[in-house]
Amino acid sequence: MYILITILIFIVCILLVLIVLVQNSKGGGLASNFQSSGQVMGVRKTTDFLEKATWTLAALLLVLAIAGSASIPRNKAGVDQSMIQEQIDNAIDPTTVPNFPTAAPTTNTQTSDDNYTDEDNQ
């Protein structure tokens, strides 16, 4: 369904571009080709048709864009959370103070008598 709506959006966009390019605000576009008196569709009817076609295609493009965004395929079998939510969950809190080691860990076991130094005597 999403692919069909996307194709329809492209078709409407191309038609809308062509209709807008055919129009000329000063009356010299496609309407100037229909100035002979024997025409079934006159100049005024041509400009009315082009204006109605422009508004219709613009409205159709709006409806198709909304329908396209509503029909975007969602991956239901994949991860339930988005990648952004995963990054938020794994982020480090900048307000926490890091715990730096104050002393190197000792590798040998010492008793309290072994830690006695000359500074403690003074």
Protein backbone atom coordinates (compact mmCIF):
# COMPACT_ATOMS: atom_id res chain seq x y z
CA MET A 1 0.00 0.00 0.00
CA TYR A 2 2.86 2.35 0.86
CA ILE A 3 4.52 1.78 -2.52
CA LEU A 4 1.27 2.50 -4.37
CA ILE A 5 0.77 5.76 -2.47
CA THR A 6 4.38 6.75 -3.13
CA ILE A 7 3.97 6.14 -6.87
CA LEU A 8 0.74 8.18 -6.87
CA ILE A 9 2.53 11.01 -5.08
CA PHE A 10 5.23 11.07 -7.78
CA ILE A 11 2.61 11.10 -10.56
CA VAL A 12 0.67 13.93 -8.90
CA CYS A 13 3.89 15.92 -8.41
CA ILE A 14 4.84 15.59 -12.07
CA LEU A 15 1.34 16.57 -13.20
CA LEU A 16 1.31 19.52 -10.82
CA VAL A 17 4.65 20.77 -12.14
CA LEU A 18 3.43 20.48 -15.73
CA ILE A 19 0.16 22.28 -15.01
CA VAL A 20 1.94 25.11 -13.19
CA LEU A 21 4.49 25.49 -15.99
CA VAL A 22 1.75 25.68 -18.60
CA GLN A 23 0.09 28.57 -16.80
CA ASN A 24 1.16 32.15 -17.33
CA SER A 25 -0.13 34.78 -14.97
CA LYS A 26 -0.30 37.39 -17.75
CA GLY A 27 -2.44 35.26 -20.08
CA GLY A 28 0.35 34.20 -22.43
CA GLY A 29 0.68 30.53 -21.51
CA LEU A 30 -1.36 27.73 -22.99
CA ALA A 31 -4.37 30.04 -23.01
CA SER A 32 -2.82 32.15 -25.79
CA ASN A 33 -3.03 29.18 -28.19
CA PHE A 34 -6.82 29.10 -27.94
CA GLN A 35 -7.66 32.61 -29.08
CA SER A 36 -9.44 31.78 -32.31
CA SER A 37 -13.18 32.35 -32.30
CA GLY A 38 -14.03 28.85 -33.56
CA GLN A 39 -12.74 27.08 -30.46
CA VAL A 40 -15.16 25.12 -28.30
CA MET A 41 -13.13 25.93 -25.19
CA GLY A 42 -12.25 29.60 -25.02
CA VAL A 43 -9.41 31.35 -23.26
CA ARG A 44 -11.41 31.88 -20.10
CA LYS A 45 -12.41 28.21 -19.88
CA THR A 46 -8.80 27.12 -20.37
CA THR A 47 -7.55 29.27 -17.52
CA ASP A 48 -10.43 28.10 -15.33
CA PHE A 49 -9.55 24.48 -16.12
CA LEU A 50 -5.87 25.02 -15.34
CA GLU A 51 -6.68 26.77 -12.08
CA LYS A 52 -9.10 24.03 -11.00
CA ALA A 53 -6.58 21.35 -12.00
CA THR A 54 -3.87 23.07 -9.94
CA TRP A 55 -6.02 23.26 -6.82
CA THR A 56 -7.26 19.68 -7.28
CA LEU A 57 -3.75 18.30 -7.70
CA ALA A 58 -2.49 20.30 -4.71
CA ALA A 59 -5.31 18.94 -2.53
CA LEU A 60 -4.69 15.42 -3.81
CA LEU A 61 -0.99 15.76 -3.02
CA LEU A 62 -1.83 16.82 0.53
CA VAL A 63 -4.19 13.87 1.03
CA LEU A 64 -1.69 11.41 -0.45
CA ALA A 65 1.11 12.76 1.73
CA ILE A 66 -0.98 12.24 4.86
CA ALA A 67 -2.04 8.78 3.71
CA GLY A 68 1.58 7.94 2.87
CA SER A 69 2.82 8.91 6.29
CA ALA A 70 0.04 6.87 7.91
CA SER A 71 0.88 3.79 5.85
CA ILE A 72 4.63 3.70 6.45
CA PRO A 73 5.51 0.06 7.12
CA ARG A 74 6.54 -0.50 10.69
CA ASN A 75 8.93 -3.32 11.60
CA LYS A 76 6.81 -5.23 14.12
CA ALA A 77 9.21 -8.18 14.46
CA GLY A 78 12.21 -6.00 15.22
CA VAL A 79 13.24 -4.00 18.21
CA ASP A 80 10.36 -2.48 20.12
CA GLN A 81 12.20 0.71 20.98
CA SER A 82 13.80 3.12 18.58
CA MET A 83 17.52 3.64 18.31
CA ILE A 84 17.17 7.09 19.85
CA GLN A 85 15.48 5.68 22.92
CA GLU A 86 18.29 3.13 23.20
CA GLN A 87 20.88 5.91 23.09
CA ILE A 88 19.00 7.82 25.77
CA ASP A 89 18.90 4.77 28.02
CA ASN A 90 22.64 4.11 27.57
CA ALA A 91 23.71 7.73 28.04
CA ILE A 92 25.99 8.62 30.91
CA ASP A 93 24.53 11.07 33.41
CA PRO A 94 26.69 14.22 33.27
CA THR A 95 25.74 15.26 36.81
CA THR A 96 27.38 12.30 38.49
CA VAL A 97 30.86 12.74 39.89
CA PRO A 98 33.31 10.16 38.62
CA ASN A 99 34.96 7.91 41.21
CA PHE A 100 38.70 8.21 40.78
CA PRO A 101 40.87 5.79 42.75
CA THR A 102 42.68 7.63 45.55
CA ALA A 103 45.46 5.10 46.00
CA ALA A 104 46.90 2.24 44.06
CA PRO A 105 45.57 -1.11 45.18
CA THR A 106 47.98 -3.15 47.24
CA THR A 107 48.97 -6.52 45.98
CA ASN A 108 50.48 -7.94 49.18
CA THR A 109 48.70 -8.30 52.46
CA GLN A 110 50.06 -6.12 55.23
CA THR A 111 49.16 -5.97 58.84
CA SER A 112 48.49 -2.77 60.71
CA ASP A 113 51.97 -2.97 62.33
CA ASP A 114 53.65 -2.90 58.91
CA ASN A 115 52.06 0.44 58.02
CA TYR A 116 53.78 2.19 60.91
CA THR A 117 56.07 5.01 59.68
CA ASP A 118 58.32 7.68 61.18
CA GLU A 119 55.72 10.37 60.63
CA ASP A 120 53.41 8.68 63.08
CA ASN A 121 56.04 9.08 65.82
CA GLN A 122 56.19 12.84 65.58
